[in-house]
Amino acid sequence: MTRVLVLNGPNLGRLGTREPDVYGRGTLEDLRLQLEEDAPDDVLIDLRQTDDEGTLIGWLHEAVDKRMPVILNPAAFTHYSYALRDAVAIVTDSGLPLLEVHLSNPHSREEFRHTSVVTGVATGVIAGLGFDSYRLALSAVLRRSGS
């Protein structure tokens, strides 16, 4: 069975109530259910969220050790966390796919959101499509990991 890590950074535990006009009204549990519905029977969705940078980095190390493809919404860490960038590079350098996703389009928002320190080492980026960003990422990581 293939396990896909779906990792979410700070404040994404507030999906559904935090700025619903930007991020939508769906919760993380709604996202989990959608991805589980989309996933083939032999794929397990392991959706996690943390507000802690160190925890997120540890999960990326786990992905390498257990050979799991990753869908990552780094949230605010996108714009400044070089430690997270380095952990993402460890994942992709190991040959695993890692798709960076964003619910909103960072380039249509405040200027400070236009820069991602993660993008340069991610396999690819999907942004601005709400939950469909994750759904498309799931399809891409499964194709790239041979599942």
C-alpha atoms as a PDB file:
ATOM      1  CA  MET A   1       0.000   0.000   0.000  1.00  0.00           C
ATOM      2  CA  THR A   2       1.260   3.479  -0.888  1.00  0.00           C
ATOM      3  CA  ARG A   3       1.016   6.123   1.812  1.00  0.00           C
ATOM      4  CA  VAL A   4       0.889   9.770   0.723  1.00  0.00           C
ATOM      5  CA  LEU A   5       1.777  12.374   3.326  1.00  0.00           C
ATOM      6  CA  VAL A   6      -0.400  15.469   3.039  1.00  0.00           C
ATOM      7  CA  LEU A   7       1.286  18.025   5.268  1.00  0.00           C
ATOM      8  CA  ASN A   8      -0.198  21.355   6.267  1.00  0.00           C
ATOM      9  CA  GLY A   9       1.536  24.221   8.026  1.00  0.00           C
ATOM     10  CA  PRO A  10       0.472  26.966  10.408  1.00  0.00           C
ATOM     11  CA  ASN A  11      -3.121  28.110  10.767  1.00  0.00           C
ATOM     12  CA  LEU A  12      -4.485  25.524   8.330  1.00  0.00           C
ATOM     13  CA  GLY A  13      -6.123  23.774  11.265  1.00  0.00           C
ATOM     14  CA  ARG A  14      -8.540  26.734  11.138  1.00  0.00           C
ATOM     15  CA  LEU A  15      -9.753  25.985   7.624  1.00  0.00           C
ATOM     16  CA  GLY A  16     -13.458  26.577   7.287  1.00  0.00           C
ATOM     17  CA  THR A  17     -13.493  29.473   9.738  1.00  0.00           C
ATOM     18  CA  ARG A  18     -10.325  31.459   8.961  1.00  0.00           C
ATOM     19  CA  GLU A  19     -10.897  33.899   6.090  1.00  0.00           C
ATOM     20  CA  PRO A  20     -13.386  31.665   4.275  1.00  0.00           C
ATOM     21  CA  ASP A  21     -13.533  34.159   1.403  1.00  0.00           C
ATOM     22  CA  VAL A  22      -9.829  33.392   0.760  1.00  0.00           C
ATOM     23  CA  TYR A  23      -9.455  29.767   1.863  1.00  0.00           C
ATOM     24  CA  GLY A  24     -12.983  28.417   1.444  1.00  0.00           C
ATOM     25  CA  ARG A  25     -15.440  26.942   3.913  1.00  0.00           C
ATOM     26  CA  GLY A  26     -14.133  23.382   3.842  1.00  0.00           C
ATOM     27  CA  THR A  27     -12.301  22.019   6.875  1.00  0.00           C
ATOM     28  CA  LEU A  28      -9.211  19.815   6.994  1.00  0.00           C
ATOM     29  CA  GLU A  29     -11.525  16.894   7.678  1.00  0.00           C
ATOM     30  CA  ASP A  30     -13.474  17.766   4.508  1.00  0.00           C
ATOM     31  CA  LEU A  31     -10.173  17.808   2.625  1.00  0.00           C
ATOM     32  CA  ARG A  32      -9.181  14.420   4.068  1.00  0.00           C
ATOM     33  CA  LEU A  33     -12.501  12.899   2.986  1.00  0.00           C
ATOM     34  CA  GLN A  34     -12.177  14.350  -0.524  1.00  0.00           C
ATOM     35  CA  LEU A  35      -8.634  13.019  -0.964  1.00  0.00           C
ATOM     36  CA  GLU A  36      -9.590   9.597   0.417  1.00  0.00           C
ATOM     37  CA  GLU A  37     -12.478   9.478  -2.054  1.00  0.00           C
ATOM     38  CA  ASP A  38     -10.136  10.406  -4.939  1.00  0.00           C
ATOM     39  CA  ALA A  39      -7.351   8.010  -3.953  1.00  0.00           C
ATOM     40  CA  PRO A  40      -7.154   4.526  -5.462  1.00  0.00           C
ATOM     41  CA  ASP A  41      -7.935   1.666  -3.066  1.00  0.00           C
ATOM     42  CA  ASP A  42      -4.245   0.877  -2.560  1.00  0.00           C
ATOM     43  CA  VAL A  43      -3.365   4.436  -1.482  1.00  0.00           C
ATOM     44  CA  LEU A  44      -3.558   5.663   2.102  1.00  0.00           C
ATOM     45  CA  ILE A  45      -3.912   9.398   2.723  1.00  0.00           C
ATOM     46  CA  ASP A  46      -2.005  10.495   5.829  1.00  0.00           C
ATOM     47  CA  LEU A  47      -3.156  14.086   6.345  1.00  0.00           C
ATOM     48  CA  ARG A  48      -1.448  16.077   9.096  1.00  0.00           C
ATOM     49  CA  GLN A  49      -1.364  19.688  10.269  1.00  0.00           C
ATOM     50  CA  THR A  50       0.951  21.539  12.612  1.00  0.00           C
ATOM     51  CA  ASP A  51       1.687  25.102  13.622  1.00  0.00           C
ATOM     52  CA  ASP A  52       5.230  24.027  14.547  1.00  0.00           C
ATOM     53  CA  GLU A  53       8.076  24.296  12.036  1.00  0.00           C
ATOM     54  CA  GLY A  54      10.169  21.596  13.716  1.00  0.00           C
ATOM     55  CA  THR A  55       7.325  19.084  13.597  1.00  0.00           C
ATOM     56  CA  LEU A  56       6.799  19.755   9.892  1.00  0.00           C
ATOM     57  CA  ILE A  57      10.512  19.230   9.220  1.00  0.00           C
ATOM     58  CA  GLY A  58      10.436  15.971  11.200  1.00  0.00           C
ATOM     59  CA  TRP A  59       7.533  14.733   9.078  1.00  0.00           C
ATOM     60  CA  LEU A  60       9.523  15.472   5.911  1.00  0.00           C
ATOM     61  CA  HIS A  61      12.426  13.426   7.299  1.00  0.00           C
ATOM     62  CA  GLU A  62       9.939  10.639   8.006  1.00  0.00           C
ATOM     63  CA  ALA A  63       8.784  10.797   4.378  1.00  0.00           C
ATOM     64  CA  VAL A  64      12.340  10.129   3.221  1.00  0.00           C
ATOM     65  CA  ASP A  65      12.917   7.325   5.730  1.00  0.00           C
ATOM     66  CA  LYS A  66       9.623   5.597   4.867  1.00  0.00           C
ATOM     67  CA  ARG A  67       9.725   6.457   1.126  1.00  0.00           C
ATOM     68  CA  MET A  68       6.428   8.370   1.070  1.00  0.00           C
ATOM     69  CA  PRO A  69       5.505  10.958  -1.580  1.00  0.00           C
ATOM     70  CA  VAL A  70       4.461  14.327  -0.140  1.00  0.00           C
ATOM     71  CA  ILE A  71       1.865  17.007  -0.761  1.00  0.00           C
ATOM     72  CA  LEU A  72       2.910  20.074   1.225  1.00  0.00           C
ATOM     73  CA  ASN A  73       1.072  23.282   2.006  1.00  0.00           C
ATOM     74  CA  PRO A  74       3.766  25.150   3.938  1.00  0.00           C
ATOM     75  CA  ALA A  75       1.387  28.073   4.625  1.00  0.00           C
ATOM     76  CA  ALA A  76       3.262  31.039   6.140  1.00  0.00           C
ATOM     77  CA  PHE A  77       6.513  29.028   6.258  1.00  0.00           C
ATOM     78  CA  THR A  78       6.466  29.271   2.441  1.00  0.00           C
ATOM     79  CA  HIS A  79       7.893  32.753   2.502  1.00  0.00           C
ATOM     80  CA  TYR A  80      10.798  32.535   4.932  1.00  0.00           C
ATOM     81  CA  SER A  81      11.624  29.084   6.294  1.00  0.00           C
ATOM     82  CA  TYR A  82      14.996  28.087   4.917  1.00  0.00           C
ATOM     83  CA  ALA A  83      15.015  25.147   7.340  1.00  0.00           C
ATOM     84  CA  LEU A  84      11.807  23.881   5.712  1.00  0.00           C
ATOM     85  CA  ARG A  85      13.315  24.496   2.262  1.00  0.00           C
ATOM     86  CA  ASP A  86      16.317  22.358   3.193  1.00  0.00           C
ATOM     87  CA  ALA A  87      14.044  19.550   4.431  1.00  0.00           C
ATOM     88  CA  VAL A  88      12.040  19.692   1.191  1.00  0.00           C
ATOM     89  CA  ALA A  89      15.314  19.408  -0.739  1.00  0.00           C
ATOM     90  CA  ILE A  90      16.162  16.265   1.232  1.00  0.00           C
ATOM     91  CA  VAL A  91      12.845  14.759   0.100  1.00  0.00           C
ATOM     92  CA  THR A  92      13.231  15.613  -3.579  1.00  0.00           C
ATOM     93  CA  ASP A  93      16.958  14.785  -3.638  1.00  0.00           C
ATOM     94  CA  SER A  94      15.999  11.299  -2.425  1.00  0.00           C
ATOM     95  CA  GLY A  95      13.925  10.854  -5.587  1.00  0.00           C
ATOM     96  CA  LEU A  96      10.525  11.279  -3.958  1.00  0.00           C
ATOM     97  CA  PRO A  97       7.959  13.630  -5.463  1.00  0.00           C
ATOM     98  CA  LEU A  98       6.905  16.611  -3.346  1.00  0.00           C
ATOM     99  CA  LEU A  99       4.210  18.939  -4.603  1.00  0.00           C
ATOM    100  CA  GLU A 100       3.861  22.369  -3.004  1.00  0.00           C
ATOM    101  CA  VAL A 101       0.209  23.402  -2.843  1.00  0.00           C
ATOM    102  CA  HIS A 102      -1.690  26.514  -1.876  1.00  0.00           C
ATOM    103  CA  LEU A 103      -5.433  26.978  -1.590  1.00  0.00           C
ATOM    104  CA  SER A 104      -5.268  30.585  -2.759  1.00  0.00           C
ATOM    105  CA  ASN A 105      -3.065  32.122  -5.434  1.00  0.00           C
ATOM    106  CA  PRO A 106      -0.185  33.756  -3.536  1.00  0.00           C
ATOM    107  CA  HIS A 107       0.609  35.939  -6.561  1.00  0.00           C
ATOM    108  CA  SER A 108      -2.801  37.595  -6.438  1.00  0.00           C
ATOM    109  CA  ARG A 109      -2.379  38.521  -2.780  1.00  0.00           C
ATOM    110  CA  GLU A 110      -0.062  40.721  -0.726  1.00  0.00           C
ATOM    111  CA  GLU A 111       3.411  41.205  -2.191  1.00  0.00           C
ATOM    112  CA  PHE A 112       5.182  39.412   0.679  1.00  0.00           C
ATOM    113  CA  ARG A 113       3.312  36.241  -0.348  1.00  0.00           C
ATOM    114  CA  HIS A 114       4.752  36.315  -3.875  1.00  0.00           C
ATOM    115  CA  THR A 115       8.039  34.659  -2.852  1.00  0.00           C
ATOM    116  CA  SER A 116       8.306  30.996  -1.950  1.00  0.00           C
ATOM    117  CA  VAL A 117      11.606  29.679  -0.646  1.00  0.00           C
ATOM    118  CA  VAL A 118      10.222  26.151  -1.117  1.00  0.00           C
ATOM    119  CA  THR A 119       9.304  26.301  -4.812  1.00  0.00           C
ATOM    120  CA  GLY A 120      12.877  26.026  -6.077  1.00  0.00           C
ATOM    121  CA  VAL A 121      13.334  22.576  -4.538  1.00  0.00           C
ATOM    122  CA  ALA A 122       9.780  21.218  -4.863  1.00  0.00           C
ATOM    123  CA  THR A 123       8.876  18.872  -7.705  1.00  0.00           C
ATOM    124  CA  GLY A 124       6.108  21.288  -8.702  1.00  0.00           C
ATOM    125  CA  VAL A 125       3.585  23.831  -7.452  1.00  0.00           C
ATOM    126  CA  ILE A 126      -0.205  23.959  -7.705  1.00  0.00           C
ATOM    127  CA  ALA A 127      -1.941  27.045  -6.343  1.00  0.00           C
ATOM    128  CA  GLY A 128      -5.160  28.989  -6.381  1.00  0.00           C
ATOM    129  CA  LEU A 129      -7.613  26.146  -6.909  1.00  0.00           C
ATOM    130  CA  GLY A 130      -8.816  25.522  -3.366  1.00  0.00           C
ATOM    131  CA  PHE A 131      -9.113  21.826  -2.535  1.00  0.00           C
ATOM    132  CA  ASP A 132      -8.553  21.055  -6.224  1.00  0.00           C
ATOM    133  CA  SER A 133      -4.914  22.119  -5.707  1.00  0.00           C
ATOM    134  CA  TYR A 134      -4.537  19.101  -3.409  1.00  0.00           C
ATOM    135  CA  ARG A 135      -6.547  16.812  -5.680  1.00  0.00           C
ATOM    136  CA  LEU A 136      -4.359  17.621  -8.670  1.00  0.00           C
ATOM    137  CA  ALA A 137      -1.252  17.209  -6.519  1.00  0.00           C
ATOM    138  CA  LEU A 138      -2.436  13.762  -5.432  1.00  0.00           C
ATOM    139  CA  SER A 139      -2.770  12.690  -9.028  1.00  0.00           C
ATOM    140  CA  ALA A 140       0.697  14.060  -9.848  1.00  0.00           C
ATOM    141  CA  VAL A 141       2.532  12.478  -6.885  1.00  0.00           C
ATOM    142  CA  LEU A 142       0.936   9.108  -7.584  1.00  0.00           C
ATOM    143  CA  ARG A 143       1.995   9.216 -11.237  1.00  0.00           C
ATOM    144  CA  ARG A 144       5.510  10.321 -10.306  1.00  0.00           C
ATOM    145  CA  SER A 145       5.893   7.679  -7.614  1.00  0.00           C
ATOM    146  CA  GLY A 146       4.677   4.882  -9.863  1.00  0.00           C
ATOM    147  CA  SER A 147       1.516   4.182  -7.866  1.00  0.00           C
END
